[in-house]
Amino acid sequence: MEITIREAQQQVDDWIKTIGVRYFNELTNLGILMEETGELARLMVREYGEQSYKESDKGKLIADEMADVLWVLLCLANQTNVDLTAALQKNIEKKTIRDRTRHKGNEKL
C-alpha cells in the first residue's frame, strides 16, 4: 500500500492517539530522533563502510532503521504543526533554484 507523506503524518497521529497514548514531548522526540539516526548510521557504516558487523547488529535491517527515523520525524512534524508535504515541496523548489547549475559545474561529480 502506498501512502503520501500527508497520509503518513495522519497515520502516525492516529496511532499515537489510539495506541501510543500521547506524544513524548518535543525534546524527548528530538533525542529519540538522534538515537534512531545513530542506529541507522551504525548499520550503514557496517554495510557500506569499513566497519565489520558485531553480534548485536545481527537481524537489524537498514530499511527498518530508516522507517524508525521517519516515524520520529513525522511525530515531530505533527507536534510542531509542520506539513511535511508542503515543506518538502518548498525545499525542492529552493534547491532547484539555488543549485540549478551548481552540481553540473562540479568537477568532483
PDB file of N, CA and C in Angstrom:
ATOM      1  N   MET A   1       0.834  -1.177   0.000  1.00  0.00           N
ATOM      2  CA  MET A   1       0.000   0.000   0.000  1.00  0.00           C
ATOM      3  C   MET A   1       0.882   1.245   0.000  1.00  0.00           C
ATOM      4  N   GLU A   2       0.657   2.104  -0.935  1.00  0.00           N
ATOM      5  CA  GLU A   2       1.389   3.363  -0.987  1.00  0.00           C
ATOM      6  C   GLU A   2       0.632   4.425  -0.210  1.00  0.00           C
ATOM      7  N   ILE A   3       1.410   5.270   0.479  1.00  0.00           N
ATOM      8  CA  ILE A   3       0.796   6.386   1.198  1.00  0.00           C
ATOM      9  C   ILE A   3       1.592   7.644   0.914  1.00  0.00           C
ATOM     10  N   THR A   4       0.924   8.755   0.964  1.00  0.00           N
ATOM     11  CA  THR A   4       1.588  10.031   0.790  1.00  0.00           C
ATOM     12  C   THR A   4       2.233  10.440   2.117  1.00  0.00           C
ATOM     13  N   ILE A   5       3.055  11.443   2.062  1.00  0.00           N
ATOM     14  CA  ILE A   5       3.649  11.966   3.291  1.00  0.00           C
ATOM     15  C   ILE A   5       2.551  12.488   4.217  1.00  0.00           C
ATOM     16  N   ARG A   6       1.600  13.189   3.650  1.00  0.00           N
ATOM     17  CA  ARG A   6       0.486  13.724   4.451  1.00  0.00           C
ATOM     18  C   ARG A   6      -0.296  12.586   5.115  1.00  0.00           C
ATOM     19  N   GLU A   7      -0.547  11.514   4.369  1.00  0.00           N
ATOM     20  CA  GLU A   7      -1.246  10.363   4.941  1.00  0.00           C
ATOM     21  C   GLU A   7      -0.403   9.706   6.039  1.00  0.00           C
ATOM     22  N   ALA A   8       0.903   9.657   5.829  1.00  0.00           N
ATOM     23  CA  ALA A   8       1.788   9.078   6.849  1.00  0.00           C
ATOM     24  C   ALA A   8       1.723   9.900   8.131  1.00  0.00           C
ATOM     25  N   GLN A   9       1.739  11.220   7.992  1.00  0.00           N
ATOM     26  CA  GLN A   9       1.611  12.070   9.182  1.00  0.00           C
ATOM     27  C   GLN A   9       0.311  11.769   9.914  1.00  0.00           C
ATOM     28  N   GLN A  10      -0.772  11.601   9.171  1.00  0.00           N
ATOM     29  CA  GLN A  10      -2.070  11.339   9.787  1.00  0.00           C
ATOM     30  C   GLN A  10      -2.100   9.956  10.441  1.00  0.00           C
ATOM     31  N   GLN A  11      -1.512   8.963   9.785  1.00  0.00           N
ATOM     32  CA  GLN A  11      -1.490   7.617  10.360  1.00  0.00           C
ATOM     33  C   GLN A  11      -0.692   7.586  11.658  1.00  0.00           C
ATOM     34  N   VAL A  12       0.441   8.286  11.680  1.00  0.00           N
ATOM     35  CA  VAL A  12       1.238   8.344  12.903  1.00  0.00           C
ATOM     36  C   VAL A  12       0.444   9.049  13.999  1.00  0.00           C
ATOM     37  N   ASP A  13      -0.209  10.150  13.655  1.00  0.00           N
ATOM     38  CA  ASP A  13      -1.008  10.877  14.637  1.00  0.00           C
ATOM     39  C   ASP A  13      -2.129   9.996  15.193  1.00  0.00           C
ATOM     40  N   ASP A  14      -2.808   9.281  14.308  1.00  0.00           N
ATOM     41  CA  ASP A  14      -3.873   8.382  14.745  1.00  0.00           C
ATOM     42  C   ASP A  14      -3.315   7.297  15.670  1.00  0.00           C
ATOM     43  N   TRP A  15      -2.174   6.726  15.318  1.00  0.00           N
ATOM     44  CA  TRP A  15      -1.566   5.672  16.126  1.00  0.00           C
ATOM     45  C   TRP A  15      -1.194   6.193  17.505  1.00  0.00           C
ATOM     46  N   ILE A  16      -0.561   7.368  17.530  1.00  0.00           N
ATOM     47  CA  ILE A  16      -0.157   7.965  18.811  1.00  0.00           C
ATOM     48  C   ILE A  16      -1.384   8.162  19.696  1.00  0.00           C
ATOM     49  N   LYS A  17      -2.463   8.665  19.138  1.00  0.00           N
ATOM     50  CA  LYS A  17      -3.651   8.996  19.930  1.00  0.00           C
ATOM     51  C   LYS A  17      -4.466   7.773  20.348  1.00  0.00           C
ATOM     52  N   THR A  18      -4.303   6.646  19.656  1.00  0.00           N
ATOM     53  CA  THR A  18      -5.095   5.463  19.997  1.00  0.00           C
ATOM     54  C   THR A  18      -4.272   4.371  20.680  1.00  0.00           C
ATOM     55  N   ILE A  19      -3.030   4.220  20.310  1.00  0.00           N
ATOM     56  CA  ILE A  19      -2.188   3.147  20.846  1.00  0.00           C
ATOM     57  C   ILE A  19      -1.059   3.694  21.711  1.00  0.00           C
ATOM     58  N   GLY A  20      -0.464   4.777  21.271  1.00  0.00           N
ATOM     59  CA  GLY A  20       0.680   5.340  21.978  1.00  0.00           C
ATOM     60  C   GLY A  20       0.325   6.223  23.159  1.00  0.00           C
ATOM     61  N   VAL A  21      -0.929   6.451  23.403  1.00  0.00           N
ATOM     62  CA  VAL A  21      -1.471   7.269  24.496  1.00  0.00           C
ATOM     63  C   VAL A  21      -1.271   8.755  24.233  1.00  0.00           C
ATOM     64  N   ARG A  22      -0.017   9.186  24.064  1.00  0.00           N
ATOM     65  CA  ARG A  22       0.265  10.599  23.781  1.00  0.00           C
ATOM     66  C   ARG A  22       1.661  10.698  23.177  1.00  0.00           C
ATOM     67  N   TYR A  23       1.945  11.851  22.606  1.00  0.00           N
ATOM     68  CA  TYR A  23       3.289  12.116  22.097  1.00  0.00           C
ATOM     69  C   TYR A  23       4.245  12.317  23.273  1.00  0.00           C
ATOM     70  N   PHE A  24       5.482  11.838  23.126  1.00  0.00           N
ATOM     71  CA  PHE A  24       6.538  12.285  24.025  1.00  0.00           C
ATOM     72  C   PHE A  24       6.732  13.769  23.740  1.00  0.00           C
ATOM     73  N   ASN A  25       7.307  14.528  24.673  1.00  0.00           N
ATOM     74  CA  ASN A  25       7.489  15.945  24.373  1.00  0.00           C
ATOM     75  C   ASN A  25       8.517  16.116  23.251  1.00  0.00           C
ATOM     76  N   GLU A  26       8.542  17.304  22.698  1.00  0.00           N
ATOM     77  CA  GLU A  26       9.361  17.576  21.515  1.00  0.00           C
ATOM     78  C   GLU A  26      10.844  17.311  21.761  1.00  0.00           C
ATOM     79  N   LEU A  27      11.351  17.698  22.915  1.00  0.00           N
ATOM     80  CA  LEU A  27      12.781  17.479  23.186  1.00  0.00           C
ATOM     81  C   LEU A  27      13.096  15.999  23.356  1.00  0.00           C
ATOM     82  N   THR A  28      12.191  15.252  23.975  1.00  0.00           N
ATOM     83  CA  THR A  28      12.375  13.800  24.071  1.00  0.00           C
ATOM     84  C   THR A  28      12.395  13.193  22.678  1.00  0.00           C
ATOM     85  N   ASN A  29      11.456  13.600  21.829  1.00  0.00           N
ATOM     86  CA  ASN A  29      11.433  13.065  20.467  1.00  0.00           C
ATOM     87  C   ASN A  29      12.662  13.482  19.675  1.00  0.00           C
ATOM     88  N   LEU A  30      13.185  14.661  19.921  1.00  0.00           N
ATOM     89  CA  LEU A  30      14.418  15.057  19.258  1.00  0.00           C
ATOM     90  C   LEU A  30      15.555  14.118  19.669  1.00  0.00           C
ATOM     91  N   GLY A  31      15.633  13.798  20.952  1.00  0.00           N
ATOM     92  CA  GLY A  31      16.637  12.855  21.428  1.00  0.00           C
ATOM     93  C   GLY A  31      16.445  11.477  20.812  1.00  0.00           C
ATOM     94  N   ILE A  32      15.193  11.036  20.714  1.00  0.00           N
ATOM     95  CA  ILE A  32      14.901   9.742  20.098  1.00  0.00           C
ATOM     96  C   ILE A  32      15.296   9.762  18.626  1.00  0.00           C
ATOM     97  N   LEU A  33      15.053  10.884  17.951  1.00  0.00           N
ATOM     98  CA  LEU A  33      15.454  11.008  16.543  1.00  0.00           C
ATOM     99  C   LEU A  33      16.964  10.847  16.401  1.00  0.00           C
ATOM    100  N   MET A  34      17.722  11.447  17.307  1.00  0.00           N
ATOM    101  CA  MET A  34      19.178  11.308  17.265  1.00  0.00           C
ATOM    102  C   MET A  34      19.598   9.853  17.515  1.00  0.00           C
ATOM    103  N   GLU A  35      18.924   9.195  18.458  1.00  0.00           N
ATOM    104  CA  GLU A  35      19.219   7.783  18.728  1.00  0.00           C
ATOM    105  C   GLU A  35      18.943   6.925  17.500  1.00  0.00           C
ATOM    106  N   GLU A  36      17.789   7.130  16.897  1.00  0.00           N
ATOM    107  CA  GLU A  36      17.418   6.334  15.726  1.00  0.00           C
ATOM    108  C   GLU A  36      18.357   6.615  14.551  1.00  0.00           C
ATOM    109  N   THR A  37      18.767   7.879  14.394  1.00  0.00           N
ATOM    110  CA  THR A  37      19.708   8.229  13.340  1.00  0.00           C
ATOM    111  C   THR A  37      21.042   7.527  13.582  1.00  0.00           C
ATOM    112  N   GLY A  38      21.455   7.453  14.836  1.00  0.00           N
ATOM    113  CA  GLY A  38      22.696   6.751  15.179  1.00  0.00           C
ATOM    114  C   GLY A  38      22.610   5.264  14.863  1.00  0.00           C
ATOM    115  N   GLU A  39      21.450   4.660  15.128  1.00  0.00           N
ATOM    116  CA  GLU A  39      21.277   3.242  14.811  1.00  0.00           C
ATOM    117  C   GLU A  39      21.336   3.008  13.308  1.00  0.00           C
ATOM    118  N   LEU A  40      20.758   3.921  12.536  1.00  0.00           N
ATOM    119  CA  LEU A  40      20.846   3.837  11.084  1.00  0.00           C
ATOM    120  C   LEU A  40      22.294   4.001  10.634  1.00  0.00           C
ATOM    121  N   ALA A  41      22.983   4.973  11.193  1.00  0.00           N
ATOM    122  CA  ALA A  41      24.379   5.206  10.831  1.00  0.00           C
ATOM    123  C   ALA A  41      25.233   3.981  11.131  1.00  0.00           C
ATOM    124  N   ARG A  42      24.991   3.364  12.261  1.00  0.00           N
ATOM    125  CA  ARG A  42      25.747   2.166  12.649  1.00  0.00           C
ATOM    126  C   ARG A  42      25.636   1.078  11.578  1.00  0.00           C
ATOM    127  N   LEU A  43      24.421   0.817  11.121  1.00  0.00           N
ATOM    128  CA  LEU A  43      24.246  -0.209  10.096  1.00  0.00           C
ATOM    129  C   LEU A  43      24.822   0.208   8.754  1.00  0.00           C
ATOM    130  N   MET A  44      24.668   1.481   8.405  1.00  0.00           N
ATOM    131  CA  MET A  44      25.191   1.960   7.122  1.00  0.00           C
ATOM    132  C   MET A  44      26.700   1.821   7.047  1.00  0.00           C
ATOM    133  N   VAL A  45      27.396   2.177   8.133  1.00  0.00           N
ATOM    134  CA  VAL A  45      28.864   2.091   8.077  1.00  0.00           C
ATOM    135  C   VAL A  45      29.335   0.641   8.091  1.00  0.00           C
ATOM    136  N   ARG A  46      28.512  -0.250   8.580  1.00  0.00           N
ATOM    137  CA  ARG A  46      28.872  -1.660   8.539  1.00  0.00           C
ATOM    138  C   ARG A  46      28.578  -2.270   7.171  1.00  0.00           C
ATOM    139  N   GLU A  47      27.488  -1.841   6.560  1.00  0.00           N
ATOM    140  CA  GLU A  47      27.121  -2.378   5.254  1.00  0.00           C
ATOM    141  C   GLU A  47      27.932  -1.759   4.119  1.00  0.00           C
ATOM    142  N   TYR A  48      28.154  -0.453   4.179  1.00  0.00           N
ATOM    143  CA  TYR A  48      28.784   0.248   3.056  1.00  0.00           C
ATOM    144  C   TYR A  48      30.156   0.815   3.387  1.00  0.00           C
ATOM    145  N   GLY A  49      30.523   0.838   4.656  1.00  0.00           N
ATOM    146  CA  GLY A  49      31.813   1.363   5.066  1.00  0.00           C
ATOM    147  C   GLY A  49      32.768   0.242   5.443  1.00  0.00           C
ATOM    148  N   GLU A  50      33.766   0.588   6.227  1.00  0.00           N
ATOM    149  CA  GLU A  50      34.817  -0.360   6.565  1.00  0.00           C
ATOM    150  C   GLU A  50      34.574  -1.116   7.868  1.00  0.00           C
ATOM    151  N   GLN A  51      33.569  -0.720   8.639  1.00  0.00           N
ATOM    152  CA  GLN A  51      33.306  -1.386   9.913  1.00  0.00           C
ATOM    153  C   GLN A  51      32.755  -2.789   9.680  1.00  0.00           C
ATOM    154  N   SER A  52      33.108  -3.720  10.553  1.00  0.00           N
ATOM    155  CA  SER A  52      32.554  -5.071  10.478  1.00  0.00           C
ATOM    156  C   SER A  52      31.332  -5.162  11.396  1.00  0.00           C
ATOM    157  N   TYR A  53      30.472  -6.107  11.072  1.00  0.00           N
ATOM    158  CA  TYR A  53      29.273  -6.318  11.879  1.00  0.00           C
ATOM    159  C   TYR A  53      29.642  -6.919  13.224  1.00  0.00           C
ATOM    160  N   LYS A  54      28.873  -6.563  14.247  1.00  0.00           N
ATOM    161  CA  LYS A  54      29.007  -7.143  15.574  1.00  0.00           C
ATOM    162  C   LYS A  54      27.809  -8.045  15.819  1.00  0.00           C
ATOM    163  N   GLU A  55      27.913  -8.884  16.792  1.00  0.00           N
ATOM    164  CA  GLU A  55      26.815  -9.788  17.129  1.00  0.00           C
ATOM    165  C   GLU A  55      25.514  -9.013  17.380  1.00  0.00           C
ATOM    166  N   SER A  56      25.625  -7.850  18.011  1.00  0.00           N
ATOM    167  CA  SER A  56      24.440  -7.055  18.344  1.00  0.00           C
ATOM    168  C   SER A  56      23.771  -6.440  17.112  1.00  0.00           C
ATOM    169  N   ASP A  57      24.462  -6.448  15.956  1.00  0.00           N
ATOM    170  CA  ASP A  57      23.899  -5.893  14.726  1.00  0.00           C
ATOM    171  C   ASP A  57      23.058  -6.914  13.963  1.00  0.00           C
ATOM    172  N   LYS A  58      23.194  -8.171  14.304  1.00  0.00           N
ATOM    173  CA  LYS A  58      22.510  -9.221  13.550  1.00  0.00           C
ATOM    174  C   LYS A  58      20.996  -9.077  13.665  1.00  0.00           C
ATOM    175  N   GLY A  59      20.332  -9.267  12.540  1.00  0.00           N
ATOM    176  CA  GLY A  59      18.880  -9.193  12.498  1.00  0.00           C
ATOM    177  C   GLY A  59      18.330  -7.793  12.308  1.00  0.00           C
ATOM    178  N   LYS A  60      19.191  -6.802  12.356  1.00  0.00           N
ATOM    179  CA  LYS A  60      18.729  -5.424  12.158  1.00  0.00           C
ATOM    180  C   LYS A  60      18.790  -5.086  10.674  1.00  0.00           C
ATOM    181  N   LEU A  61      17.795  -4.357  10.214  1.00  0.00           N
ATOM    182  CA  LEU A  61      17.678  -4.021   8.797  1.00  0.00           C
ATOM    183  C   LEU A  61      17.760  -2.518   8.595  1.00  0.00           C
ATOM    184  N   ILE A  62      18.478  -2.111   7.572  1.00  0.00           N
ATOM    185  CA  ILE A  62      18.601  -0.691   7.248  1.00  0.00           C
ATOM    186  C   ILE A  62      17.219  -0.090   6.993  1.00  0.00           C
ATOM    187  N   ALA A  63      16.364  -0.802   6.264  1.00  0.00           N
ATOM    188  CA  ALA A  63      15.021  -0.285   5.958  1.00  0.00           C
ATOM    189  C   ALA A  63      14.235  -0.012   7.235  1.00  0.00           C
ATOM    190  N   ASP A  64      14.342  -0.901   8.206  1.00  0.00           N
ATOM    191  CA  ASP A  64      13.614  -0.714   9.463  1.00  0.00           C
ATOM    192  C   ASP A  64      14.155   0.484  10.232  1.00  0.00           C
ATOM    193  N   GLU A  65      15.477   0.652  10.222  1.00  0.00           N
ATOM    194  CA  GLU A  65      16.076   1.798  10.903  1.00  0.00           C
ATOM    195  C   GLU A  65      15.679   3.102  10.218  1.00  0.00           C
ATOM    196  N   MET A  66      15.610   3.104   8.886  1.00  0.00           N
ATOM    197  CA  MET A  66      15.151   4.292   8.162  1.00  0.00           C
ATOM    198  C   MET A  66      13.703   4.607   8.522  1.00  0.00           C
ATOM    199  N   ALA A  67      12.889   3.575   8.629  1.00  0.00           N
ATOM    200  CA  ALA A  67      11.482   3.777   8.998  1.00  0.00           C
ATOM    201  C   ALA A  67      11.361   4.331  10.416  1.00  0.00           C
ATOM    202  N   ASP A  68      12.235   3.887  11.328  1.00  0.00           N
ATOM    203  CA  ASP A  68      12.229   4.442  12.684  1.00  0.00           C
ATOM    204  C   ASP A  68      12.549   5.933  12.669  1.00  0.00           C
ATOM    205  N   VAL A  69      13.532   6.326  11.855  1.00  0.00           N
ATOM    206  CA  VAL A  69      13.892   7.745  11.732  1.00  0.00           C
ATOM    207  C   VAL A  69      12.703   8.528  11.184  1.00  0.00           C
ATOM    208  N   LEU A  70      12.088   7.992  10.140  1.00  0.00           N
ATOM    209  CA  LEU A  70      10.940   8.669   9.528  1.00  0.00           C
ATOM    210  C   LEU A  70       9.784   8.793  10.517  1.00  0.00           C
ATOM    211  N   TRP A  71       9.529   7.748  11.281  1.00  0.00           N
ATOM    212  CA  TRP A  71       8.445   7.757  12.272  1.00  0.00           C
ATOM    213  C   TRP A  71       8.613   8.929  13.232  1.00  0.00           C
ATOM    214  N   VAL A  72       9.789   9.055  13.808  1.00  0.00           N
ATOM    215  CA  VAL A  72      10.009  10.110  14.804  1.00  0.00           C
ATOM    216  C   VAL A  72       9.965  11.481  14.138  1.00  0.00           C
ATOM    217  N   LEU A  73      10.469  11.590  12.916  1.00  0.00           N
ATOM    218  CA  LEU A  73      10.384  12.860  12.194  1.00  0.00           C
ATOM    219  C   LEU A  73       8.918  13.236  11.945  1.00  0.00           C
ATOM    220  N   LEU A  74       8.100  12.250  11.599  1.00  0.00           N
ATOM    221  CA  LEU A  74       6.668  12.509  11.421  1.00  0.00           C
ATOM    222  C   LEU A  74       6.028  12.951  12.733  1.00  0.00           C
ATOM    223  N   CYS A  75       6.438  12.328  13.838  1.00  0.00           N
ATOM    224  CA  CYS A  75       5.928  12.757  15.151  1.00  0.00           C
ATOM    225  C   CYS A  75       6.284  14.215  15.413  1.00  0.00           C
ATOM    226  N   LEU A  76       7.537  14.566  15.182  1.00  0.00           N
ATOM    227  CA  LEU A  76       7.979  15.943  15.426  1.00  0.00           C
ATOM    228  C   LEU A  76       7.240  16.928  14.524  1.00  0.00           C
ATOM    229  N   ALA A  77       7.021  16.537  13.282  1.00  0.00           N
ATOM    230  CA  ALA A  77       6.276  17.409  12.366  1.00  0.00           C
ATOM    231  C   ALA A  77       4.859  17.623  12.889  1.00  0.00           C
ATOM    232  N   ASN A  78       4.229  16.560  13.329  1.00  0.00           N
ATOM    233  CA  ASN A  78       2.870  16.692  13.875  1.00  0.00           C
ATOM    234  C   ASN A  78       2.853  17.594  15.103  1.00  0.00           C
ATOM    235  N   GLN A  79       3.825  17.411  15.973  1.00  0.00           N
ATOM    236  CA  GLN A  79       3.860  18.186  17.220  1.00  0.00           C
ATOM    237  C   GLN A  79       4.119  19.666  16.985  1.00  0.00           C
ATOM    238  N   THR A  80       4.845  19.991  15.924  1.00  0.00           N
ATOM    239  CA  THR A  80       5.228  21.378  15.666  1.00  0.00           C
ATOM    240  C   THR A  80       4.406  21.992  14.537  1.00  0.00           C
ATOM    241  N   ASN A  81       3.321  21.291  14.163  1.00  0.00           N
ATOM    242  CA  ASN A  81       2.396  21.781  13.125  1.00  0.00           C
ATOM    243  C   ASN A  81       3.091  22.046  11.790  1.00  0.00           C
ATOM    244  N   VAL A  82       4.006  21.150  11.411  1.00  0.00           N
ATOM    245  CA  VAL A  82       4.685  21.250  10.122  1.00  0.00           C
ATOM    246  C   VAL A  82       4.017  20.286   9.149  1.00  0.00           C
ATOM    247  N   ASP A  83       3.574  20.816   8.026  1.00  0.00           N
ATOM    248  CA  ASP A  83       3.053  19.989   6.941  1.00  0.00           C
ATOM    249  C   ASP A  83       4.258  19.572   6.110  1.00  0.00           C
ATOM    250  N   LEU A  84       4.725  18.339   6.287  1.00  0.00           N
ATOM    251  CA  LEU A  84       5.942  17.899   5.608  1.00  0.00           C
ATOM    252  C   LEU A  84       5.786  17.850   4.095  1.00  0.00           C
ATOM    253  N   THR A  85       4.582  17.623   3.604  1.00  0.00           N
ATOM    254  CA  THR A  85       4.371  17.638   2.158  1.00  0.00           C
ATOM    255  C   THR A  85       4.692  19.021   1.606  1.00  0.00           C
ATOM    256  N   ALA A  86       4.108  20.046   2.208  1.00  0.00           N
ATOM    257  CA  ALA A  86       4.360  21.423   1.763  1.00  0.00           C
ATOM    258  C   ALA A  86       5.814  21.811   1.998  1.00  0.00           C
ATOM    259  N   ALA A  87       6.371  21.404   3.132  1.00  0.00           N
ATOM    260  CA  ALA A  87       7.756  21.753   3.446  1.00  0.00           C
ATOM    261  C   ALA A  87       8.719  21.122   2.447  1.00  0.00           C
ATOM    262  N   LEU A  88       8.476  19.865   2.085  1.00  0.00           N
ATOM    263  CA  LEU A  88       9.349  19.192   1.126  1.00  0.00           C
ATOM    264  C   LEU A  88       9.234  19.824  -0.255  1.00  0.00           C
ATOM    265  N   GLN A  89       8.018  20.132  -0.673  1.00  0.00           N
ATOM    266  CA  GLN A  89       7.839  20.787  -1.973  1.00  0.00           C
ATOM    267  C   GLN A  89       8.585  22.120  -2.017  1.00  0.00           C
ATOM    268  N   LYS A  90       8.470  22.907  -0.957  1.00  0.00           N
ATOM    269  CA  LYS A  90       9.153  24.195  -0.886  1.00  0.00           C
ATOM    270  C   LYS A  90      10.673  24.003  -0.880  1.00  0.00           C
ATOM    271  N   ASN A  91      11.145  22.968  -0.185  1.00  0.00           N
ATOM    272  CA  ASN A  91      12.574  22.697  -0.105  1.00  0.00           C
ATOM    273  C   ASN A  91      13.134  22.272  -1.465  1.00  0.00           C
ATOM    274  N   ILE A  92      12.361  21.466  -2.206  1.00  0.00           N
ATOM    275  CA  ILE A  92      12.797  21.065  -3.553  1.00  0.00           C
ATOM    276  C   ILE A  92      12.888  22.288  -4.461  1.00  0.00           C
ATOM    277  N   GLU A  93      11.911  23.172  -4.366  1.00  0.00           N
ATOM    278  CA  GLU A  93      11.932  24.405  -5.161  1.00  0.00           C
ATOM    279  C   GLU A  93      13.166  25.241  -4.818  1.00  0.00           C
ATOM    280  N   LYS A  94      13.454  25.377  -3.524  1.00  0.00           N
ATOM    281  CA  LYS A  94      14.620  26.152  -3.076  1.00  0.00           C
ATOM    282  C   LYS A  94      15.904  25.558  -3.640  1.00  0.00           C
ATOM    283  N   LYS A  95      16.059  24.252  -3.532  1.00  0.00           N
ATOM    284  CA  LYS A  95      17.269  23.596  -4.021  1.00  0.00           C
ATOM    285  C   LYS A  95      17.383  23.700  -5.542  1.00  0.00           C
ATOM    286  N   THR A  96      16.253  23.610  -6.226  1.00  0.00           N
ATOM    287  CA  THR A  96      16.256  23.703  -7.687  1.00  0.00           C
ATOM    288  C   THR A  96      16.743  25.075  -8.136  1.00  0.00           C
ATOM    289  N   ILE A  97      16.250  26.110  -7.492  1.00  0.00           N
ATOM    290  CA  ILE A  97      16.676  27.470  -7.840  1.00  0.00           C
ATOM    291  C   ILE A  97      18.147  27.683  -7.466  1.00  0.00           C
ATOM    292  N   ARG A  98      18.515  27.306  -6.268  1.00  0.00           N
ATOM    293  CA  ARG A  98      19.866  27.535  -5.765  1.00  0.00           C
ATOM    294  C   ARG A  98      20.912  26.711  -6.508  1.00  0.00           C
ATOM    295  N   ASP A  99      20.573  25.484  -6.839  1.00  0.00           N
ATOM    296  CA  ASP A  99      21.576  24.556  -7.366  1.00  0.00           C
ATOM    297  C   ASP A  99      21.394  24.209  -8.839  1.00  0.00           C
ATOM    298  N   ARG A 100      20.618  25.030  -9.544  1.00  0.00           N
ATOM    299  CA  ARG A 100      20.303  24.743 -10.942  1.00  0.00           C
ATOM    300  C   ARG A 100      21.545  24.392 -11.762  1.00  0.00           C
ATOM    301  N   THR A 101      22.642  25.110 -11.582  1.00  0.00           N
ATOM    302  CA  THR A 101      23.863  24.835 -12.355  1.00  0.00           C
ATOM    303  C   THR A 101      25.031  24.415 -11.470  1.00  0.00           C
ATOM    304  N   ARG A 102      24.878  24.523 -10.174  1.00  0.00           N
ATOM    305  CA  ARG A 102      25.972  24.266  -9.239  1.00  0.00           C
ATOM    306  C   ARG A 102      26.575  22.864  -9.387  1.00  0.00           C
ATOM    307  N   HIS A 103      25.753  21.853  -9.409  1.00  0.00           N
ATOM    308  CA  HIS A 103      26.266  20.488  -9.441  1.00  0.00           C
ATOM    309  C   HIS A 103      26.793  20.101 -10.821  1.00  0.00           C
ATOM    310  N   LYS A 104      26.189  20.656 -11.853  1.00  0.00           N
ATOM    311  CA  LYS A 104      26.665  20.365 -13.215  1.00  0.00           C
ATOM    312  C   LYS A 104      28.075  20.900 -13.416  1.00  0.00           C
ATOM    313  N   GLY A 105      28.426  21.971 -12.716  1.00  0.00           N
ATOM    314  CA  GLY A 105      29.751  22.556 -12.829  1.00  0.00           C
ATOM    315  C   GLY A 105      30.758  22.010 -11.835  1.00  0.00           C
ATOM    316  N   ASN A 106      30.373  21.035 -11.037  1.00  0.00           N
ATOM    317  CA  ASN A 106      31.242  20.476 -10.019  1.00  0.00           C
ATOM    318  C   ASN A 106      32.112  19.369 -10.625  1.00  0.00           C
ATOM    319  N   GLU A 107      33.392  19.613 -10.728  1.00  0.00           N
ATOM    320  CA  GLU A 107      34.319  18.635 -11.320  1.00  0.00           C
ATOM    321  C   GLU A 107      34.390  17.357 -10.502  1.00  0.00           C
ATOM    322  N   LYS A 108      34.071  17.426  -9.228  1.00  0.00           N
ATOM    323  CA  LYS A 108      34.131  16.247  -8.366  1.00  0.00           C
ATOM    324  C   LYS A 108      33.004  15.252  -8.663  1.00  0.00           C
ATOM    325  N   LEU A 109      31.947  15.733  -9.300  1.00  0.00           N
ATOM    326  CA  LEU A 109      30.830  14.867  -9.616  1.00  0.00           C
ATOM    327  C   LEU A 109      30.979  14.323 -11.006  1.00  0.00           C
TER     328      LEU A 109
END
